[in-house]
Amino acid sequence: MTVDLAAQCLGEGPPLVVLHGLFGSARNWAGIARRLGDRYRVHALDLRNHGESPWTEALDYPLMAGDVAAYIEREIGDGPAPVVVGHSMGGKVAMTLALLHPGRVGALVVADIAPVAYRPGLDAFAEAMLAVPLAGLARRSQVEALLADSIPSPGIRRFLAQNIVEDPAGGLRWRLNLEGLRREMATLAGFPAFPADRTFSGRTLVVRGALSDYVGEAERPAFERLFPGYRLATLKGAGHWLHSEKPEAFVDILRGFLGAPAAP
């Protein structure tokens, strides 16, 4: 069953849908959305169990792709299908959407993830966040400080702590369904199995970070099978969070791939 996804929308022009990664939200893409908003109507979505979207017990890629397909049908309609951009977990949602609902994807951009199973490795982040005693805390900086023993990287702590919001009942709360995400971490690290004849023939760009190991030569056959004709671009000096590390260069690559959009 689909859920109604929360979204942040801006700009004018043909539709472009953005899907964030694990522990992320639409607000993480605000800078990219502003850069693209001069040519596109950008729909940055909160996927289920993230941001302002509903929490559910059920969580897998076909379900999340169904949520996005329902959003496109409801909010964008039957005009030109949108460009769909997804990073990491959101990239897997975008690829699943293209394979299950190809009519809802005009062009596909996948940022630093492949349609393969990875070894689960982010359980520790969920556990560290769940271990923070939010009762009595008043500021996000306090949460970041308490995460320091478990998560050495200041940048990752800052990224995770963006999910802290004030609870209407008082104090702080997480905007993430951390228990549900932790429970389905193996599912999120994987990718659905598709029959041999299931492919997406639409325009597809894969952007990888030069300093990331998520998309290497070992992952290319999976792209070749499911997304024939895909193009691969490498963003120099960027790791896995390439859109936040090199936002201007990332947008330049997108613009070069998409070209000037048609008039709305």
Protein backbone atom coordinates (compact mmCIF):
# COMPACT_ATOMS: atom_id res chain seq x y z
CA MET A 1 0.00 0.00 0.00
CA THR A 2 1.37 3.39 -0.98
CA VAL A 3 1.75 6.38 1.35
CA ASP A 4 1.46 10.07 0.49
CA LEU A 5 4.98 11.46 0.42
CA ALA A 6 5.88 14.90 1.73
CA ALA A 7 7.65 17.14 -0.76
CA GLN A 8 9.44 20.46 -1.12
CA CYS A 9 8.77 22.01 -4.53
CA LEU A 10 10.27 25.02 -6.25
CA GLY A 11 11.10 26.39 -9.67
CA GLU A 12 9.25 26.45 -12.96
CA GLY A 13 9.49 24.24 -16.02
CA PRO A 14 9.38 20.53 -16.80
CA PRO A 15 9.19 18.28 -13.73
CA LEU A 16 12.26 16.88 -12.00
CA VAL A 17 11.95 14.55 -8.99
CA VAL A 18 14.76 14.19 -6.42
CA LEU A 19 15.10 11.20 -4.07
CA HIS A 20 17.45 11.39 -1.07
CA GLY A 21 19.57 8.65 0.47
CA LEU A 22 19.33 6.72 3.73
CA PHE A 23 18.96 8.98 6.80
CA GLY A 24 18.44 11.93 4.44
CA SER A 25 15.47 14.09 3.48
CA ALA A 26 14.28 16.58 0.90
CA ARG A 27 15.92 19.43 2.80
CA ASN A 28 19.39 17.95 2.12
CA TRP A 29 18.79 18.73 -1.57
CA ALA A 30 17.67 22.33 -1.13
CA GLY A 31 20.85 23.76 -2.66
CA ILE A 32 20.67 21.50 -5.72
CA ALA A 33 16.95 22.25 -6.09
CA ARG A 34 17.66 26.00 -6.11
CA ARG A 35 20.31 25.55 -8.79
CA LEU A 36 17.97 23.49 -10.99
CA GLY A 37 14.87 25.57 -10.26
CA ASP A 38 15.70 28.07 -13.00
CA ARG A 39 14.86 25.42 -15.62
CA TYR A 40 12.79 22.77 -13.85
CA ARG A 41 9.92 22.39 -11.42
CA VAL A 42 11.83 20.45 -8.77
CA HIS A 43 9.98 18.01 -6.50
CA ALA A 44 12.30 16.95 -3.65
CA LEU A 45 10.57 14.11 -1.82
CA ASP A 46 10.83 12.64 1.66
CA LEU A 47 10.75 8.86 1.24
CA ARG A 48 8.71 6.76 3.68
CA ASN A 49 10.16 6.60 7.22
CA HIS A 50 12.14 9.79 6.52
CA GLY A 51 11.54 13.52 6.95
CA GLU A 52 7.89 14.53 7.06
CA SER A 53 6.58 11.43 5.28
CA PRO A 54 4.61 8.68 7.07
CA TRP A 55 6.26 5.87 9.01
CA THR A 56 5.43 2.29 8.03
CA GLU A 57 6.42 -1.17 9.18
CA ALA A 58 6.72 -2.41 5.59
CA LEU A 59 9.84 -1.16 3.82
CA ASP A 60 11.38 -2.34 0.57
CA TYR A 61 12.29 -0.88 -2.81
CA PRO A 62 9.13 -1.85 -4.74
CA LEU A 63 7.02 -0.23 -2.00
CA MET A 64 9.09 2.95 -2.01
CA ALA A 65 9.02 3.07 -5.81
CA GLY A 66 5.24 2.68 -5.64
CA ASP A 67 5.05 5.69 -3.32
CA VAL A 68 6.99 7.78 -5.84
CA ALA A 69 4.89 6.55 -8.77
CA ALA A 70 1.73 7.52 -6.85
CA TYR A 71 3.19 10.97 -6.11
CA ILE A 72 4.03 11.51 -9.78
CA GLU A 73 0.53 10.45 -10.81
CA ARG A 74 -1.10 12.69 -8.20
CA GLU A 75 1.06 15.81 -8.35
CA ILE A 76 2.59 15.82 -11.84
CA GLY A 77 -0.09 14.02 -13.81
CA ASP A 78 -0.10 12.74 -17.35
CA GLY A 79 2.13 15.34 -18.96
CA PRO A 80 5.78 14.71 -19.81
CA ALA A 81 7.27 12.14 -17.44
CA PRO A 82 9.75 13.72 -15.01
CA VAL A 83 13.48 13.42 -14.81
CA VAL A 84 14.12 11.32 -11.69
CA VAL A 85 17.37 11.86 -9.75
CA GLY A 86 18.23 9.55 -6.85
CA HIS A 87 21.25 9.30 -4.56
CA SER A 88 22.34 6.13 -2.76
CA MET A 89 19.17 4.51 -1.32
CA GLY A 90 17.18 7.04 -3.35
CA GLY A 91 19.08 5.91 -6.43
CA LYS A 92 17.91 2.37 -5.81
CA VAL A 93 14.35 3.64 -5.42
CA ALA A 94 14.73 5.55 -8.70
CA MET A 95 16.08 2.49 -10.54
CA THR A 96 13.27 0.31 -9.16
CA LEU A 97 10.75 2.95 -10.24
CA ALA A 98 12.18 2.95 -13.77
CA LEU A 99 12.04 -0.84 -13.99
CA LEU A 100 8.54 -1.24 -12.50
CA HIS A 101 6.88 1.98 -13.71
CA PRO A 102 8.87 3.04 -16.81
CA GLY A 103 6.11 5.35 -18.00
CA ARG A 104 6.67 7.52 -14.93
CA VAL A 105 10.35 8.21 -15.72
CA GLY A 106 11.36 10.47 -18.59
CA ALA A 107 15.08 10.24 -17.81
CA LEU A 108 16.99 8.66 -14.95
CA VAL A 109 20.01 9.96 -13.02
CA VAL A 110 21.58 7.64 -10.44
CA ALA A 111 24.11 9.14 -8.03
CA ASP A 112 26.83 6.85 -6.66
CA ILE A 113 24.95 3.58 -6.23
CA ALA A 114 24.47 0.45 -8.34
CA PRO A 115 21.60 -2.03 -8.76
CA VAL A 116 23.39 -4.64 -6.66
CA ALA A 117 23.46 -5.88 -3.07
CA TYR A 118 26.05 -4.28 -0.79
CA ARG A 119 27.22 -5.51 2.58
CA PRO A 120 25.06 -3.86 5.28
CA GLY A 121 27.25 -1.33 7.03
CA LEU A 122 25.10 1.50 8.35
CA ASP A 123 23.44 -0.37 11.21
CA ALA A 124 25.88 1.29 13.58
CA PHE A 125 24.57 4.75 12.67
CA ALA A 126 21.00 3.77 13.51
CA GLU A 127 22.11 2.17 16.77
CA ALA A 128 24.14 5.23 17.73
CA MET A 129 21.18 7.53 17.10
CA LEU A 130 18.82 5.29 19.04
CA ALA A 131 21.25 5.32 21.95
CA VAL A 132 21.17 9.12 22.33
CA PRO A 133 19.10 10.02 25.44
CA LEU A 134 16.98 12.78 23.93
CA ALA A 135 15.11 13.44 27.17
CA GLY A 136 16.51 16.60 28.69
CA LEU A 137 18.34 17.74 25.55
CA ALA A 138 17.42 21.07 24.02
CA ARG A 139 19.83 21.60 21.09
CA ARG A 140 20.97 19.72 18.04
CA SER A 141 24.59 20.45 18.99
CA GLN A 142 24.12 18.38 22.14
CA VAL A 143 23.03 15.42 20.03
CA GLU A 144 26.08 15.82 17.79
CA ALA A 145 28.34 15.83 20.85
CA LEU A 146 26.77 12.63 22.18
CA LEU A 147 27.26 10.91 18.82
CA ALA A 148 30.99 11.68 18.78
CA ASP A 149 32.12 8.52 20.58
CA SER A 150 30.32 6.27 18.07
CA ILE A 151 30.71 8.35 14.89
CA PRO A 152 34.13 10.04 14.56
CA SER A 153 33.34 12.06 11.42
CA PRO A 154 32.00 15.56 12.23
CA GLY A 155 30.42 15.77 8.79
CA ILE A 156 28.45 12.54 9.22
CA ARG A 157 27.36 13.56 12.74
CA ARG A 158 26.17 16.89 11.39
CA PHE A 159 24.29 15.16 8.55
CA LEU A 160 22.57 12.70 10.92
CA ALA A 161 21.71 15.39 13.45
CA GLN A 162 19.76 17.30 10.78
CA ASN A 163 17.04 14.74 11.53
CA ILE A 164 16.56 16.19 15.02
CA VAL A 165 13.47 18.38 15.42
CA GLU A 166 11.52 19.82 18.32
CA ASP A 167 8.74 17.60 19.59
CA PRO A 168 5.40 19.44 19.98
CA ALA A 169 5.09 17.71 23.35
CA GLY A 170 8.45 19.18 24.42
CA GLY A 171 12.08 18.22 23.95
CA LEU A 172 13.62 16.74 20.83
CA ARG A 173 12.76 13.82 18.57
CA TRP A 174 14.12 12.06 15.49
CA ARG A 175 12.30 12.58 12.18
CA LEU A 176 13.35 9.05 11.22
CA ASN A 177 11.74 5.70 11.93
CA LEU A 178 15.04 4.45 13.29
CA GLU A 179 13.70 1.16 14.60
CA GLY A 180 12.10 0.35 11.25
CA LEU A 181 15.20 1.36 9.29
CA ARG A 182 17.48 -0.70 11.51
CA ARG A 183 15.23 -3.72 11.14
CA GLU A 184 15.28 -3.52 7.33
CA MET A 185 18.94 -2.61 6.89
CA ALA A 186 19.70 -5.82 4.97
CA THR A 187 16.78 -5.11 2.61
CA LEU A 188 18.02 -1.57 2.00
CA ALA A 189 21.54 -2.83 1.32
CA GLY A 190 20.14 -5.21 -1.30
CA PHE A 191 18.30 -4.73 -4.58
CA PRO A 192 15.23 -6.49 -5.99
CA ALA A 193 15.67 -9.40 -8.39
CA PHE A 194 14.22 -8.67 -11.82
CA PRO A 195 13.59 -11.13 -14.68
CA ALA A 196 16.10 -11.20 -17.50
CA ASP A 197 13.77 -9.40 -19.89
CA ARG A 198 13.05 -6.49 -17.54
CA THR A 199 15.04 -3.42 -18.60
CA PHE A 200 14.69 0.36 -18.74
CA SER A 201 15.58 1.71 -22.16
CA GLY A 202 15.14 5.39 -21.32
CA ARG A 203 18.00 7.84 -21.02
CA THR A 204 20.10 6.94 -17.98
CA LEU A 205 23.10 8.64 -16.42
CA VAL A 206 25.14 7.18 -13.56
CA VAL A 207 27.29 9.70 -11.70
CA ARG A 208 29.92 8.27 -9.37
CA GLY A 209 32.34 9.94 -7.01
CA ALA A 210 35.97 9.41 -7.92
CA LEU A 211 36.81 8.87 -4.23
CA SER A 212 33.91 6.46 -3.64
CA ASP A 213 33.95 2.69 -4.07
CA TYR A 214 30.21 2.21 -4.55
CA VAL A 215 30.33 2.07 -8.35
CA GLY A 216 33.36 0.27 -9.77
CA GLU A 217 34.06 -2.09 -12.64
CA ALA A 218 32.41 -4.97 -10.77
CA GLU A 219 29.08 -3.12 -10.76
CA ARG A 220 29.02 -2.21 -14.45
CA PRO A 221 27.52 -5.51 -15.72
CA ALA A 222 24.44 -4.94 -13.54
CA PHE A 223 23.91 -1.55 -15.17
CA GLU A 224 24.51 -2.99 -18.63
CA ARG A 225 21.87 -5.68 -18.11
CA LEU A 226 19.14 -3.50 -16.59
CA PHE A 227 19.87 -0.11 -18.19
CA PRO A 228 21.27 -0.70 -21.69
CA GLY A 229 22.79 2.40 -23.17
CA TYR A 230 23.45 4.04 -19.82
CA ARG A 231 26.16 6.67 -19.56
CA LEU A 232 28.72 6.85 -16.77
CA ALA A 233 30.26 10.08 -15.45
CA THR A 234 32.88 10.38 -12.73
CA LEU A 235 32.97 13.45 -10.47
CA LYS A 236 36.56 14.24 -9.59
CA GLY A 237 37.41 14.94 -5.97
CA ALA A 238 34.07 13.68 -4.68
CA GLY A 239 33.17 10.77 -2.44
CA HIS A 240 29.82 9.09 -1.88
CA TRP A 241 27.98 12.33 -0.93
CA LEU A 242 29.05 13.86 -4.23
CA HIS A 243 26.07 16.22 -4.54
CA SER A 244 26.91 17.94 -1.26
CA GLU A 245 30.69 17.79 -1.69
CA LYS A 246 30.72 19.18 -5.25
CA PRO A 247 27.25 20.68 -5.83
CA GLU A 248 28.14 22.99 -8.72
CA ALA A 249 30.05 20.28 -10.60
CA PHE A 250 27.24 17.80 -9.94
CA VAL A 251 24.65 20.19 -11.39
CA ASP A 252 26.91 20.89 -14.39
CA ILE A 253 27.01 17.15 -15.15
CA LEU A 254 23.22 16.94 -14.87
CA ARG A 255 22.72 19.93 -17.16
CA GLY A 256 25.14 18.49 -19.72
CA PHE A 257 23.26 15.19 -19.74
CA LEU A 258 19.76 16.64 -19.81
CA GLY A 259 20.38 19.57 -22.14
CA ALA A 260 17.97 22.48 -22.31
CA PRO A 261 14.48 21.30 -21.32
CA ALA A 262 11.59 21.71 -23.69
CA ALA A 263 9.23 24.59 -23.05
CA PRO A 264 6.49 23.64 -20.54
